[in-house]
Amino acid sequence: VTLREARDNVERNLISHAIDRHNGNIVKAAEELGVSRPTLYDLLKKHNLTPLTSTEKAPDMLP
Protein backbone atom coordinates (compact mmCIF):
# COMPACT_ATOMS: atom_id res chain seq x y z
CA VAL A 1 0.00 0.00 0.00
CA THR A 2 1.38 3.37 -0.97
CA LEU A 3 1.25 6.41 1.29
CA ARG A 4 -1.30 8.02 -1.04
CA GLU A 5 -3.57 4.94 -0.90
CA ALA A 6 -3.31 4.73 2.89
CA ARG A 7 -4.05 8.44 3.27
CA ASP A 8 -7.04 8.20 0.92
CA ASN A 9 -8.41 5.20 2.84
CA VAL A 10 -8.13 6.98 6.18
CA GLU A 11 -9.72 10.15 4.77
CA ARG A 12 -12.58 8.17 3.21
CA ASN A 13 -13.26 6.30 6.46
CA LEU A 14 -13.19 9.47 8.58
CA ILE A 15 -15.63 11.21 6.24
CA SER A 16 -17.95 8.22 6.05
CA HIS A 17 -18.05 7.77 9.82
CA ALA A 18 -18.62 11.48 10.48
CA ILE A 19 -21.55 11.52 8.08
CA ASP A 20 -22.97 8.38 9.70
CA ARG A 21 -22.61 9.86 13.21
CA HIS A 22 -24.53 12.95 12.12
CA ASN A 23 -27.20 11.02 10.19
CA GLY A 24 -26.20 12.55 6.86
CA ASN A 25 -26.03 16.13 8.15
CA ILE A 26 -23.24 17.59 6.03
CA VAL A 27 -22.90 20.80 8.05
CA LYS A 28 -22.37 18.94 11.33
CA ALA A 29 -20.04 16.38 9.73
CA ALA A 30 -17.97 19.19 8.20
CA GLU A 31 -17.76 20.95 11.58
CA GLU A 32 -16.59 17.73 13.25
CA LEU A 33 -13.95 17.19 10.57
CA GLY A 34 -12.77 20.81 10.73
CA VAL A 35 -13.50 21.57 7.07
CA SER A 36 -16.00 23.80 5.31
CA ARG A 37 -19.21 22.42 3.84
CA PRO A 38 -18.01 23.02 0.24
CA THR A 39 -14.73 21.25 1.04
CA LEU A 40 -16.63 18.27 2.42
CA TYR A 41 -18.71 18.11 -0.76
CA ASP A 42 -15.46 18.13 -2.77
CA LEU A 43 -14.12 15.28 -0.63
CA LEU A 44 -17.36 13.32 -1.05
CA LYS A 45 -16.99 13.64 -4.81
CA LYS A 46 -13.28 12.70 -4.68
CA HIS A 47 -14.07 9.50 -2.76
CA ASN A 48 -17.30 8.70 -4.64
CA LEU A 49 -19.34 9.00 -1.45
CA THR A 50 -22.86 10.35 -1.15
CA PRO A 51 -24.63 11.67 1.93
CA LEU A 52 -27.54 9.55 3.08
CA THR A 53 -31.01 10.39 1.87
CA SER A 54 -33.78 10.82 4.40
CA THR A 55 -35.12 7.33 3.65
CA GLU A 56 -31.71 5.80 4.26
CA LYS A 57 -31.28 7.78 7.49
CA ALA A 58 -34.46 6.64 9.17
CA PRO A 59 -36.17 3.65 7.53
CA ASP A 60 -38.22 3.05 10.68
CA MET A 61 -39.94 6.42 10.15
CA LEU A 62 -41.30 5.57 6.71
CA PRO A 63 -45.09 5.27 6.34
PDB file of N, CA and C in Angstrom:
ATOM      1  N   VAL A   1       0.855  -1.181   0.000  1.00  0.00           N
ATOM      2  CA  VAL A   1       0.000   0.000   0.000  1.00  0.00           C
ATOM      3  C   VAL A   1       0.897   1.238   0.000  1.00  0.00           C
ATOM      4  N   THR A   2       0.602   2.138  -0.915  1.00  0.00           N
ATOM      5  CA  THR A   2       1.376   3.375  -0.970  1.00  0.00           C
ATOM      6  C   THR A   2       0.863   4.360   0.078  1.00  0.00           C
ATOM      7  N   LEU A   3       1.658   5.374   0.342  1.00  0.00           N
ATOM      8  CA  LEU A   3       1.248   6.411   1.288  1.00  0.00           C
ATOM      9  C   LEU A   3      -0.028   7.097   0.803  1.00  0.00           C
ATOM     10  N   ARG A   4      -0.108   7.373  -0.479  1.00  0.00           N
ATOM     11  CA  ARG A   4      -1.299   8.022  -1.043  1.00  0.00           C
ATOM     12  C   ARG A   4      -2.542   7.153  -0.833  1.00  0.00           C
ATOM     13  N   GLU A   5      -2.434   5.853  -1.087  1.00  0.00           N
ATOM     14  CA  GLU A   5      -3.572   4.941  -0.900  1.00  0.00           C
ATOM     15  C   GLU A   5      -3.991   4.882   0.562  1.00  0.00           C
ATOM     16  N   ALA A   6      -3.016   4.797   1.454  1.00  0.00           N
ATOM     17  CA  ALA A   6      -3.314   4.731   2.886  1.00  0.00           C
ATOM     18  C   ALA A   6      -3.995   6.021   3.349  1.00  0.00           C
ATOM     19  N   ARG A   7      -3.476   7.147   2.897  1.00  0.00           N
ATOM     20  CA  ARG A   7      -4.052   8.442   3.275  1.00  0.00           C
ATOM     21  C   ARG A   7      -5.478   8.567   2.748  1.00  0.00           C
ATOM     22  N   ASP A   8      -5.700   8.155   1.501  1.00  0.00           N
ATOM     23  CA  ASP A   8      -7.045   8.201   0.925  1.00  0.00           C
ATOM     24  C   ASP A   8      -8.014   7.301   1.688  1.00  0.00           C
ATOM     25  N   ASN A   9      -7.556   6.117   2.084  1.00  0.00           N
ATOM     26  CA  ASN A   9      -8.411   5.196   2.840  1.00  0.00           C
ATOM     27  C   ASN A   9      -8.804   5.784   4.191  1.00  0.00           C
ATOM     28  N   VAL A  10      -7.844   6.376   4.878  1.00  0.00           N
ATOM     29  CA  VAL A  10      -8.128   6.984   6.184  1.00  0.00           C
ATOM     30  C   VAL A  10      -9.097   8.151   6.016  1.00  0.00           C
ATOM     31  N   GLU A  11      -8.847   8.997   5.019  1.00  0.00           N
ATOM     32  CA  GLU A  11      -9.717  10.147   4.767  1.00  0.00           C
ATOM     33  C   GLU A  11     -11.138   9.695   4.452  1.00  0.00           C
ATOM     34  N   ARG A  12     -11.260   8.693   3.602  1.00  0.00           N
ATOM     35  CA  ARG A  12     -12.577   8.173   3.208  1.00  0.00           C
ATOM     36  C   ARG A  12     -13.327   7.626   4.430  1.00  0.00           C
ATOM     37  N   ASN A  13     -12.632   6.866   5.267  1.00  0.00           N
ATOM     38  CA  ASN A  13     -13.263   6.297   6.464  1.00  0.00           C
ATOM     39  C   ASN A  13     -13.689   7.382   7.451  1.00  0.00           C
ATOM     40  N   LEU A  14     -12.843   8.386   7.663  1.00  0.00           N
ATOM     41  CA  LEU A  14     -13.193   9.472   8.580  1.00  0.00           C
ATOM     42  C   LEU A  14     -14.430  10.219   8.096  1.00  0.00           C
ATOM     43  N   ILE A  15     -14.479  10.496   6.807  1.00  0.00           N
ATOM     44  CA  ILE A  15     -15.628  11.205   6.236  1.00  0.00           C
ATOM     45  C   ILE A  15     -16.889  10.365   6.373  1.00  0.00           C
ATOM     46  N   SER A  16     -16.793   9.113   5.998  1.00  0.00           N
ATOM     47  CA  SER A  16     -17.947   8.217   6.050  1.00  0.00           C
ATOM     48  C   SER A  16     -18.497   8.092   7.466  1.00  0.00           C
ATOM     49  N   HIS A  17     -17.613   7.916   8.433  1.00  0.00           N
ATOM     50  CA  HIS A  17     -18.055   7.766   9.818  1.00  0.00           C
ATOM     51  C   HIS A  17     -18.648   9.063  10.371  1.00  0.00           C
ATOM     52  N   ALA A  18     -18.068  10.203  10.008  1.00  0.00           N
ATOM     53  CA  ALA A  18     -18.615  11.482  10.480  1.00  0.00           C
ATOM     54  C   ALA A  18     -20.023  11.690   9.936  1.00  0.00           C
ATOM     55  N   ILE A  19     -20.226  11.372   8.677  1.00  0.00           N
ATOM     56  CA  ILE A  19     -21.553  11.522   8.082  1.00  0.00           C
ATOM     57  C   ILE A  19     -22.539  10.563   8.749  1.00  0.00           C
ATOM     58  N   ASP A  20     -22.107   9.343   9.008  1.00  0.00           N
ATOM     59  CA  ASP A  20     -22.974   8.378   9.702  1.00  0.00           C
ATOM     60  C   ASP A  20     -23.349   8.877  11.098  1.00  0.00           C
ATOM     61  N   ARG A  21     -22.354   9.387  11.842  1.00  0.00           N
ATOM     62  CA  ARG A  21     -22.612   9.862  13.208  1.00  0.00           C
ATOM     63  C   ARG A  21     -23.622  11.003  13.239  1.00  0.00           C
ATOM     64  N   HIS A  22     -23.635  11.791  12.167  1.00  0.00           N
ATOM     65  CA  HIS A  22     -24.531  12.947  12.119  1.00  0.00           C
ATOM     66  C   HIS A  22     -25.728  12.699  11.207  1.00  0.00           C
ATOM     67  N   ASN A  23     -26.010  11.416  10.962  1.00  0.00           N
ATOM     68  CA  ASN A  23     -27.196  11.023  10.186  1.00  0.00           C
ATOM     69  C   ASN A  23     -27.320  11.763   8.857  1.00  0.00           C
ATOM     70  N   GLY A  24     -26.191  11.920   8.173  1.00  0.00           N
ATOM     71  CA  GLY A  24     -26.202  12.550   6.858  1.00  0.00           C
ATOM     72  C   GLY A  24     -26.165  14.066   6.877  1.00  0.00           C
ATOM     73  N   ASN A  25     -26.068  14.671   8.057  1.00  0.00           N
ATOM     74  CA  ASN A  25     -26.031  16.133   8.152  1.00  0.00           C
ATOM     75  C   ASN A  25     -24.631  16.617   7.769  1.00  0.00           C
ATOM     76  N   ILE A  26     -24.528  17.178   6.568  1.00  0.00           N
ATOM     77  CA  ILE A  26     -23.239  17.595   6.028  1.00  0.00           C
ATOM     78  C   ILE A  26     -22.618  18.724   6.840  1.00  0.00           C
ATOM     79  N   VAL A  27     -23.420  19.668   7.282  1.00  0.00           N
ATOM     80  CA  VAL A  27     -22.897  20.802   8.050  1.00  0.00           C
ATOM     81  C   VAL A  27     -22.242  20.315   9.340  1.00  0.00           C
ATOM     82  N   LYS A  28     -22.928  19.442  10.065  1.00  0.00           N
ATOM     83  CA  LYS A  28     -22.371  18.937  11.327  1.00  0.00           C
ATOM     84  C   LYS A  28     -21.155  18.052  11.091  1.00  0.00           C
ATOM     85  N   ALA A  29     -21.194  17.232  10.047  1.00  0.00           N
ATOM     86  CA  ALA A  29     -20.044  16.383   9.728  1.00  0.00           C
ATOM     87  C   ALA A  29     -18.839  17.244   9.364  1.00  0.00           C
ATOM     88  N   ALA A  30     -19.059  18.294   8.583  1.00  0.00           N
ATOM     89  CA  ALA A  30     -17.968  19.194   8.202  1.00  0.00           C
ATOM     90  C   ALA A  30     -17.375  19.873   9.432  1.00  0.00           C
ATOM     91  N   GLU A  31     -18.244  20.324  10.342  1.00  0.00           N
ATOM     92  CA  GLU A  31     -17.765  20.953  11.579  1.00  0.00           C
ATOM     93  C   GLU A  31     -16.903  19.985  12.374  1.00  0.00           C
ATOM     94  N   GLU A  32     -17.365  18.731  12.509  1.00  0.00           N
ATOM     95  CA  GLU A  32     -16.593  17.732  13.253  1.00  0.00           C
ATOM     96  C   GLU A  32     -15.225  17.506  12.615  1.00  0.00           C
ATOM     97  N   LEU A  33     -15.193  17.470  11.291  1.00  0.00           N
ATOM     98  CA  LEU A  33     -13.951  17.194  10.573  1.00  0.00           C
ATOM     99  C   LEU A  33     -13.048  18.420  10.454  1.00  0.00           C
ATOM    100  N   GLY A  34     -13.574  19.593  10.800  1.00  0.00           N
ATOM    101  CA  GLY A  34     -12.772  20.812  10.727  1.00  0.00           C
ATOM    102  C   GLY A  34     -12.575  21.325   9.313  1.00  0.00           C
ATOM    103  N   VAL A  35     -13.560  21.071   8.445  1.00  0.00           N
ATOM    104  CA  VAL A  35     -13.505  21.568   7.071  1.00  0.00           C
ATOM    105  C   VAL A  35     -14.797  22.320   6.770  1.00  0.00           C
ATOM    106  N   SER A  36     -14.780  23.093   5.701  1.00  0.00           N
ATOM    107  CA  SER A  36     -15.998  23.800   5.308  1.00  0.00           C
ATOM    108  C   SER A  36     -16.952  22.836   4.613  1.00  0.00           C
ATOM    109  N   ARG A  37     -18.212  23.242   4.536  1.00  0.00           N
ATOM    110  CA  ARG A  37     -19.208  22.422   3.843  1.00  0.00           C
ATOM    111  C   ARG A  37     -18.824  22.198   2.381  1.00  0.00           C
ATOM    112  N   PRO A  38     -18.414  23.253   1.639  1.00  0.00           N
ATOM    113  CA  PRO A  38     -18.010  23.020   0.244  1.00  0.00           C
ATOM    114  C   PRO A  38     -16.818  22.066   0.116  1.00  0.00           C
ATOM    115  N   THR A  39     -15.878  22.158   1.064  1.00  0.00           N
ATOM    116  CA  THR A  39     -14.734  21.245   1.038  1.00  0.00           C
ATOM    117  C   THR A  39     -15.192  19.817   1.263  1.00  0.00           C
ATOM    118  N   LEU A  40     -16.129  19.622   2.177  1.00  0.00           N
ATOM    119  CA  LEU A  40     -16.629  18.269   2.421  1.00  0.00           C
ATOM    120  C   LEU A  40     -17.321  17.726   1.176  1.00  0.00           C
ATOM    121  N   TYR A  41     -18.087  18.568   0.484  1.00  0.00           N
ATOM    122  CA  TYR A  41     -18.711  18.114  -0.762  1.00  0.00           C
ATOM    123  C   TYR A  41     -17.650  17.725  -1.795  1.00  0.00           C
ATOM    124  N   ASP A  42     -16.554  18.482  -1.864  1.00  0.00           N
ATOM    125  CA  ASP A  42     -15.455  18.131  -2.775  1.00  0.00           C
ATOM    126  C   ASP A  42     -14.850  16.783  -2.396  1.00  0.00           C
ATOM    127  N   LEU A  43     -14.684  16.555  -1.092  1.00  0.00           N
ATOM    128  CA  LEU A  43     -14.121  15.285  -0.629  1.00  0.00           C
ATOM    129  C   LEU A  43     -15.076  14.122  -0.895  1.00  0.00           C
ATOM    130  N   LEU A  44     -16.369  14.360  -0.739  1.00  0.00           N
ATOM    131  CA  LEU A  44     -17.356  13.324  -1.051  1.00  0.00           C
ATOM    132  C   LEU A  44     -17.244  12.925  -2.518  1.00  0.00           C
ATOM    133  N   LYS A  45     -17.117  13.914  -3.378  1.00  0.00           N
ATOM    134  CA  LYS A  45     -16.988  13.643  -4.812  1.00  0.00           C
ATOM    135  C   LYS A  45     -15.686  12.891  -5.098  1.00  0.00           C
ATOM    136  N   LYS A  46     -14.594  13.330  -4.481  1.00  0.00           N
ATOM    137  CA  LYS A  46     -13.284  12.699  -4.677  1.00  0.00           C
ATOM    138  C   LYS A  46     -13.325  11.216  -4.323  1.00  0.00           C
ATOM    139  N   HIS A  47     -14.033  10.881  -3.249  1.00  0.00           N
ATOM    140  CA  HIS A  47     -14.070   9.503  -2.758  1.00  0.00           C
ATOM    141  C   HIS A  47     -15.317   8.742  -3.208  1.00  0.00           C
ATOM    142  N   ASN A  48     -16.074   9.334  -4.122  1.00  0.00           N
ATOM    143  CA  ASN A  48     -17.298   8.705  -4.637  1.00  0.00           C
ATOM    144  C   ASN A  48     -18.269   8.324  -3.521  1.00  0.00           C
ATOM    145  N   LEU A  49     -18.413   9.211  -2.556  1.00  0.00           N
ATOM    146  CA  LEU A  49     -19.345   9.004  -1.450  1.00  0.00           C
ATOM    147  C   LEU A  49     -20.549   9.910  -1.656  1.00  0.00           C
ATOM    148  N   THR A  50     -21.675   9.506  -1.111  1.00  0.00           N
ATOM    149  CA  THR A  50     -22.862  10.350  -1.150  1.00  0.00           C
ATOM    150  C   THR A  50     -23.455  10.419   0.246  1.00  0.00           C
ATOM    151  N   PRO A  51     -23.961  11.592   0.623  1.00  0.00           N
ATOM    152  CA  PRO A  51     -24.633  11.667   1.925  1.00  0.00           C
ATOM    153  C   PRO A  51     -25.908  10.846   1.872  1.00  0.00           C
ATOM    154  N   LEU A  52     -26.337  10.372   3.015  1.00  0.00           N
ATOM    155  CA  LEU A  52     -27.545   9.554   3.082  1.00  0.00           C
ATOM    156  C   LEU A  52     -28.773  10.372   2.734  1.00  0.00           C
ATOM    157  N   THR A  53     -29.722   9.736   2.098  1.00  0.00           N
ATOM    158  CA  THR A  53     -31.008  10.390   1.868  1.00  0.00           C
ATOM    159  C   THR A  53     -31.860  10.199   3.110  1.00  0.00           C
ATOM    160  N   SER A  54     -32.938  10.913   3.206  1.00  0.00           N
ATOM    161  CA  SER A  54     -33.778  10.818   4.402  1.00  0.00           C
ATOM    162  C   SER A  54     -34.336   9.412   4.584  1.00  0.00           C
ATOM    163  N   THR A  55     -34.600   8.691   3.495  1.00  0.00           N
ATOM    164  CA  THR A  55     -35.124   7.332   3.645  1.00  0.00           C
ATOM    165  C   THR A  55     -34.044   6.380   4.133  1.00  0.00           C
ATOM    166  N   GLU A  56     -32.793   6.651   3.778  1.00  0.00           N
ATOM    167  CA  GLU A  56     -31.710   5.800   4.258  1.00  0.00           C
ATOM    168  C   GLU A  56     -31.371   6.124   5.708  1.00  0.00           C
ATOM    169  N   LYS A  57     -31.599   7.376   6.126  1.00  0.00           N
ATOM    170  CA  LYS A  57     -31.278   7.777   7.493  1.00  0.00           C
ATOM    171  C   LYS A  57     -32.210   7.147   8.506  1.00  0.00           C
ATOM    172  N   ALA A  58     -33.490   7.078   8.171  1.00  0.00           N
ATOM    173  CA  ALA A  58     -34.459   6.635   9.169  1.00  0.00           C
ATOM    174  C   ALA A  58     -35.531   5.749   8.541  1.00  0.00           C
ATOM    175  N   PRO A  59     -35.178   4.515   8.169  1.00  0.00           N
ATOM    176  CA  PRO A  59     -36.166   3.654   7.527  1.00  0.00           C
ATOM    177  C   PRO A  59     -37.339   3.318   8.434  1.00  0.00           C
ATOM    178  N   ASP A  60     -37.147   3.363   9.745  1.00  0.00           N
ATOM    179  CA  ASP A  60     -38.225   3.051  10.675  1.00  0.00           C
ATOM    180  C   ASP A  60     -39.284   4.156  10.714  1.00  0.00           C
ATOM    181  N   MET A  61     -38.991   5.315  10.130  1.00  0.00           N
ATOM    182  CA  MET A  61     -39.936   6.420  10.152  1.00  0.00           C
ATOM    183  C   MET A  61     -40.739   6.511   8.858  1.00  0.00           C
ATOM    184  N   LEU A  62     -40.546   5.562   7.955  1.00  0.00           N
ATOM    185  CA  LEU A  62     -41.300   5.568   6.705  1.00  0.00           C
ATOM    186  C   LEU A  62     -42.739   5.136   6.953  1.00  0.00           C
ATOM    187  N   PRO A  63     -43.676   5.659   6.149  1.00  0.00           N
ATOM    188  CA  PRO A  63     -45.087   5.273   6.342  1.00  0.00           C
ATOM    189  C   PRO A  63     -45.328   3.814   6.006  1.00  0.00           C
TER     190      PRO A  63
END
